[in-house]
Amino acid sequence: MKTTTLFGRDLCTGDKQTLAACLSGNSRQGARSMFFCNVHMLMLSQQDTDLAAAMSSADFVFPDGMPLAWLQKRLGNPEADVLRGYEAMEHLCQQAAVRGEPVGFFGATENVLSALADNLGRRYPGLKIDYLCAPGVIGDSPGFKTQVAAEINAKKLSHLFVGLGCPKQEKWAAIYNSHLNCDVLCVGAAFDWVAGTIKRPPAWMENVGLAWFFRLLQNPRRMWRRYLIYNFKFIFMAIRLTILGKPEGQQEQDEN
């Protein structure tokens, strides 16, 4: 599989076909972890060593946002594309409904999970949602971790979607993934978007790299630091990488 190194982090070429290839690969038995990286997550990983370690330990990190795909292309990966967390979740739920495979959701609130399950059930008849958990405060004791992992494993899920927000969900996945028997996908805001509790950015804004601006307008008090500060850092580092400095090259990795 082709990956591009962006500021020390390896990102896969992203699309639904790539996701399908990853899931059908035979190089690893058991659970696989999948992250969906946007500009905020990439830049936060430059200062958050635990997040950086979690990204390094993940089986796949996909670009979730056009700016990252554009930078991948600029660095010599013409096949680079975006695979957003909500797109992966919808695609895999559709496939799970056809195959009769159970899925689960961990994160958000009970109201969001209820709306999420209702919407997915209407869209994908036959989808088996066997695990819904709004965890609230997440403990860090060994006993708590063992209990949660046992509850999830007892459901024999094909996929567990985690919506705790970045970087909490990635760090959670890095800790729990080796104890679980299902694929773990950290999908962030996808829970709210698919549930309909928060409006999703229009497709045209996603396609031109302005999804961040839509979310900023929705909640400026919460989002201003994330987007204004980290976006400027990204632009600065992208210019330095592609114009002023020596680019980090494309790598070839065989995941199959």
Protein backbone atom coordinates (compact mmCIF):
# COMPACT_ATOMS: atom_id res chain seq x y z
CA MET A 1 0.00 0.00 0.00
CA LYS A 2 1.21 3.50 -0.77
CA THR A 3 1.74 5.90 2.11
CA THR A 4 3.07 9.42 2.36
CA THR A 5 5.05 10.71 5.32
CA LEU A 6 3.67 14.05 6.47
CA PHE A 7 5.57 15.69 9.32
CA GLY A 8 6.71 12.34 10.61
CA ARG A 9 3.36 10.55 10.32
CA ASP A 10 2.60 7.92 7.67
CA LEU A 11 -0.77 8.40 5.96
CA CYS A 12 -2.31 5.85 3.61
CA THR A 13 -3.80 6.64 0.24
CA GLY A 14 -7.44 7.05 1.20
CA ASP A 15 -10.62 5.83 -0.49
CA LYS A 16 -13.26 3.14 0.04
CA GLN A 17 -11.42 0.71 -2.22
CA THR A 18 -8.29 1.11 -0.11
CA LEU A 19 -10.34 0.52 3.03
CA ALA A 20 -11.76 -2.69 1.55
CA ALA A 21 -8.27 -3.86 0.64
CA CYS A 22 -7.05 -3.15 4.17
CA LEU A 23 -9.88 -5.14 5.73
CA SER A 24 -9.39 -8.10 3.41
CA GLY A 25 -5.63 -8.27 3.98
CA ASN A 26 -4.25 -11.40 5.60
CA SER A 27 -1.08 -9.97 7.09
CA ARG A 28 -2.55 -9.71 10.56
CA GLN A 29 -5.01 -11.85 12.43
CA GLY A 30 -7.54 -10.29 14.79
CA ALA A 31 -8.36 -6.65 15.38
CA ARG A 32 -6.98 -3.75 13.39
CA SER A 33 -7.06 -0.08 14.36
CA MET A 34 -7.92 2.66 11.88
CA PHE A 35 -7.58 6.39 12.40
CA PHE A 36 -8.87 9.22 10.22
CA CYS A 37 -6.47 12.13 10.36
CA ASN A 38 -7.33 15.75 9.64
CA VAL A 39 -5.15 18.84 9.89
CA HIS A 40 -5.92 19.31 13.58
CA MET A 41 -4.92 15.75 14.45
CA LEU A 42 -1.75 15.88 12.37
CA MET A 43 -0.59 19.13 13.93
CA LEU A 44 -1.60 18.11 17.45
CA SER A 45 0.55 15.00 17.07
CA GLN A 46 3.58 17.27 16.67
CA GLN A 47 3.32 18.25 20.34
CA ASP A 48 1.34 15.40 21.91
CA THR A 49 3.73 12.47 22.19
CA ASP A 50 1.01 10.05 23.31
CA LEU A 51 -1.05 10.86 20.22
CA ALA A 52 2.02 10.48 18.03
CA ALA A 53 2.69 7.07 19.56
CA ALA A 54 -0.93 6.04 19.05
CA MET A 55 -0.76 7.02 15.38
CA SER A 56 2.45 5.06 14.95
CA SER A 57 0.86 1.99 16.52
CA ALA A 58 -2.30 2.15 14.38
CA ASP A 59 -2.61 -0.30 11.51
CA PHE A 60 -3.94 2.35 9.13
CA VAL A 61 -4.14 6.15 9.23
CA PHE A 62 -6.26 7.65 6.46
CA PRO A 63 -6.37 11.33 5.41
CA ASP A 64 -9.66 12.88 6.55
CA GLY A 65 -9.64 16.23 4.76
CA MET A 66 -8.63 17.62 1.39
CA PRO A 67 -5.59 19.63 2.60
CA LEU A 68 -3.81 16.41 3.59
CA ALA A 69 -4.66 14.70 0.30
CA TRP A 70 -3.43 17.75 -1.61
CA LEU A 71 -0.16 17.67 0.29
CA GLN A 72 0.20 13.94 -0.37
CA LYS A 73 -0.24 14.61 -4.09
CA ARG A 74 2.29 17.44 -3.93
CA LEU A 75 4.82 15.04 -2.41
CA GLY A 76 4.49 12.57 -5.25
CA ASN A 77 1.49 10.39 -4.44
CA PRO A 78 -0.93 11.14 -7.33
CA GLU A 79 -3.41 8.51 -6.16
CA ALA A 80 -3.92 10.23 -2.80
CA ASP A 81 -7.54 10.78 -1.86
CA VAL A 82 -9.69 11.46 1.19
CA LEU A 83 -11.42 8.84 3.30
CA ARG A 84 -13.51 10.59 5.93
CA GLY A 85 -14.45 8.84 9.14
CA TYR A 86 -18.19 9.10 8.55
CA GLU A 87 -17.80 7.73 5.01
CA ALA A 88 -15.92 4.69 6.31
CA MET A 89 -18.52 4.14 9.03
CA GLU A 90 -21.43 4.34 6.59
CA HIS A 91 -19.69 2.08 4.08
CA LEU A 92 -18.83 -0.58 6.64
CA CYS A 93 -22.31 -0.49 8.19
CA GLN A 94 -23.79 -1.05 4.75
CA GLN A 95 -21.50 -4.03 4.21
CA ALA A 96 -22.19 -5.39 7.69
CA ALA A 97 -25.95 -5.24 7.05
CA VAL A 98 -25.53 -7.32 3.90
CA ARG A 99 -23.28 -9.86 5.60
CA GLY A 100 -25.20 -10.06 8.86
CA GLU A 101 -22.18 -8.94 10.87
CA PRO A 102 -22.78 -7.13 14.19
CA VAL A 103 -21.25 -3.72 14.85
CA GLY A 104 -20.88 -1.55 17.93
CA PHE A 105 -20.51 2.10 18.91
CA PHE A 106 -18.53 3.50 21.83
CA GLY A 107 -18.69 7.20 22.73
CA ALA A 108 -20.91 10.30 22.67
CA THR A 109 -24.10 10.38 24.76
CA GLU A 110 -27.08 8.07 25.07
CA ASN A 111 -29.25 10.48 23.06
CA VAL A 112 -26.72 10.65 20.25
CA LEU A 113 -26.29 6.87 20.19
CA SER A 114 -30.05 6.35 20.10
CA ALA A 115 -30.46 8.70 17.14
CA LEU A 116 -27.41 7.17 15.45
CA ALA A 117 -28.79 3.64 15.76
CA ASP A 118 -32.22 4.71 14.48
CA ASN A 119 -30.79 6.49 11.43
CA LEU A 120 -28.42 3.67 10.52
CA GLY A 121 -31.17 1.08 11.01
CA ARG A 122 -33.45 2.92 8.58
CA ARG A 123 -30.72 3.38 6.00
CA TYR A 124 -29.33 -0.15 6.21
CA PRO A 125 -32.14 -2.62 6.95
CA GLY A 126 -30.86 -5.69 8.71
CA LEU A 127 -27.92 -3.94 10.36
CA LYS A 128 -27.18 -5.62 13.69
CA ILE A 129 -26.10 -3.06 16.28
CA ASP A 130 -25.23 -5.24 19.24
CA TYR A 131 -23.25 -2.78 21.35
CA LEU A 132 -23.98 0.83 22.28
CA CYS A 133 -22.00 2.48 25.07
CA ALA A 134 -21.89 6.12 26.16
CA PRO A 135 -19.01 5.69 28.61
CA GLY A 136 -19.07 9.03 30.42
CA VAL A 137 -15.96 9.07 32.61
CA ILE A 138 -13.47 6.48 31.39
CA GLY A 139 -11.46 4.83 34.12
CA ASP A 140 -7.82 3.89 33.71
CA SER A 141 -7.56 1.04 36.21
CA PRO A 142 -6.67 -2.44 34.94
CA GLY A 143 -9.99 -3.76 36.27
CA PHE A 144 -11.97 -1.18 34.33
CA LYS A 145 -10.09 -1.92 31.11
CA THR A 146 -10.58 -5.66 31.52
CA GLN A 147 -14.31 -5.24 32.14
CA VAL A 148 -14.85 -3.00 29.10
CA ALA A 149 -12.82 -5.27 26.82
CA ALA A 150 -14.73 -8.33 28.05
CA GLU A 151 -18.08 -6.64 27.40
CA ILE A 152 -17.08 -5.72 23.86
CA ASN A 153 -15.54 -9.10 23.04
CA ALA A 154 -18.65 -10.92 24.28
CA LYS A 155 -20.64 -9.26 21.48
CA LYS A 156 -18.37 -10.74 18.76
CA LEU A 157 -18.47 -7.53 16.73
CA SER A 158 -16.95 -7.13 13.30
CA HIS A 159 -16.31 -3.41 13.79
CA LEU A 160 -16.32 -1.11 16.79
CA PHE A 161 -16.70 2.58 15.96
CA VAL A 162 -15.25 4.93 18.58
CA GLY A 163 -16.43 8.54 18.85
CA LEU A 164 -14.65 10.10 21.81
CA GLY A 165 -13.07 13.00 19.93
CA CYS A 166 -9.42 13.55 19.09
CA PRO A 167 -7.00 12.78 20.73
CA LYS A 168 -8.94 10.87 23.37
CA GLN A 169 -10.27 8.23 21.00
CA GLU A 170 -6.89 7.50 19.40
CA LYS A 171 -5.25 7.09 22.79
CA TRP A 172 -8.12 4.83 23.89
CA ALA A 173 -7.69 2.68 20.79
CA ALA A 174 -3.94 2.38 21.35
CA ILE A 175 -4.60 1.00 24.83
CA TYR A 176 -7.57 -1.26 24.09
CA ASN A 177 -6.94 -2.53 20.58
CA SER A 178 -4.68 -5.42 21.58
CA HIS A 179 -7.37 -6.62 24.01
CA LEU A 180 -10.25 -6.61 21.50
CA ASN A 181 -11.33 -9.13 18.90
CA CYS A 182 -12.85 -6.62 16.45
CA ASP A 183 -11.61 -3.85 14.19
CA VAL A 184 -11.51 -0.45 15.93
CA LEU A 185 -12.23 2.69 13.90
CA CYS A 186 -11.87 6.12 15.50
CA VAL A 187 -14.36 8.30 13.65
CA GLY A 188 -14.72 11.43 15.80
CA ALA A 189 -17.63 13.70 14.84
CA ALA A 190 -19.19 11.01 12.64
CA PHE A 191 -21.51 9.97 15.48
CA ASP A 192 -23.14 13.41 15.66
CA TRP A 193 -23.21 13.89 11.89
CA VAL A 194 -24.84 10.55 11.10
CA ALA A 195 -27.18 10.90 14.10
CA GLY A 196 -28.23 14.32 12.82
CA THR A 197 -27.52 16.06 16.14
CA ILE A 198 -24.92 18.31 14.46
CA LYS A 199 -25.14 19.45 10.86
CA ARG A 200 -22.50 18.05 8.56
CA PRO A 201 -20.48 20.36 6.29
CA PRO A 202 -21.90 20.57 2.76
CA ALA A 203 -20.19 18.33 0.22
CA TRP A 204 -18.91 21.29 -1.80
CA MET A 205 -17.14 22.70 1.25
CA GLU A 206 -15.55 19.30 1.96
CA ASN A 207 -14.40 19.03 -1.64
CA VAL A 208 -12.66 22.41 -1.63
CA GLY A 209 -11.07 21.93 1.78
CA LEU A 210 -13.39 24.24 3.75
CA ALA A 211 -15.10 21.75 6.04
CA TRP A 212 -13.09 23.24 8.91
CA PHE A 213 -14.55 26.71 8.21
CA PHE A 214 -18.10 25.36 8.38
CA ARG A 215 -17.40 23.80 11.78
CA LEU A 216 -15.74 27.01 12.96
CA LEU A 217 -18.87 28.98 12.08
CA GLN A 218 -21.02 26.43 13.92
CA ASN A 219 -19.08 26.70 17.17
CA PRO A 220 -16.49 29.51 17.08
CA ARG A 221 -15.86 29.59 20.82
CA ARG A 222 -14.86 25.94 20.91
CA MET A 223 -13.23 25.64 17.49
CA TRP A 224 -11.29 28.87 16.95
CA ARG A 225 -8.09 27.63 18.52
CA ARG A 226 -8.24 24.26 16.79
CA TYR A 227 -8.67 25.67 13.31
CA LEU A 228 -7.06 29.08 13.27
CA ILE A 229 -3.91 28.18 15.18
CA TYR A 230 -3.37 24.65 13.89
CA ASN A 231 -4.33 25.55 10.33
CA PHE A 232 -1.70 28.29 10.24
CA LYS A 233 0.87 25.88 11.64
CA PHE A 234 -0.05 23.38 8.95
CA ILE A 235 0.28 25.96 6.16
CA PHE A 236 3.66 27.07 7.47
CA MET A 237 5.00 23.52 7.75
CA ALA A 238 3.55 22.51 4.38
CA ILE A 239 5.30 25.44 2.68
CA ARG A 240 8.55 24.62 4.43
CA LEU A 241 8.22 20.96 3.46
CA THR A 242 7.35 21.43 -0.21
CA ILE A 243 9.19 24.62 -1.12
CA LEU A 244 11.84 25.61 1.40
CA GLY A 245 12.92 22.22 2.64
CA LYS A 246 13.67 18.73 1.49
CA PRO A 247 10.38 16.83 1.13
CA GLU A 248 9.77 13.64 3.01
CA GLY A 249 9.22 11.08 0.31
CA GLN A 250 6.58 8.59 -0.59
CA GLN A 251 6.95 5.13 0.85
CA GLU A 252 5.72 1.77 -0.34
CA GLN A 253 4.27 -0.58 2.27
CA ASP A 254 2.84 -4.01 1.64
CA GLU A 255 -0.10 -4.56 3.99
CA ASN A 256 -1.29 -7.70 2.25
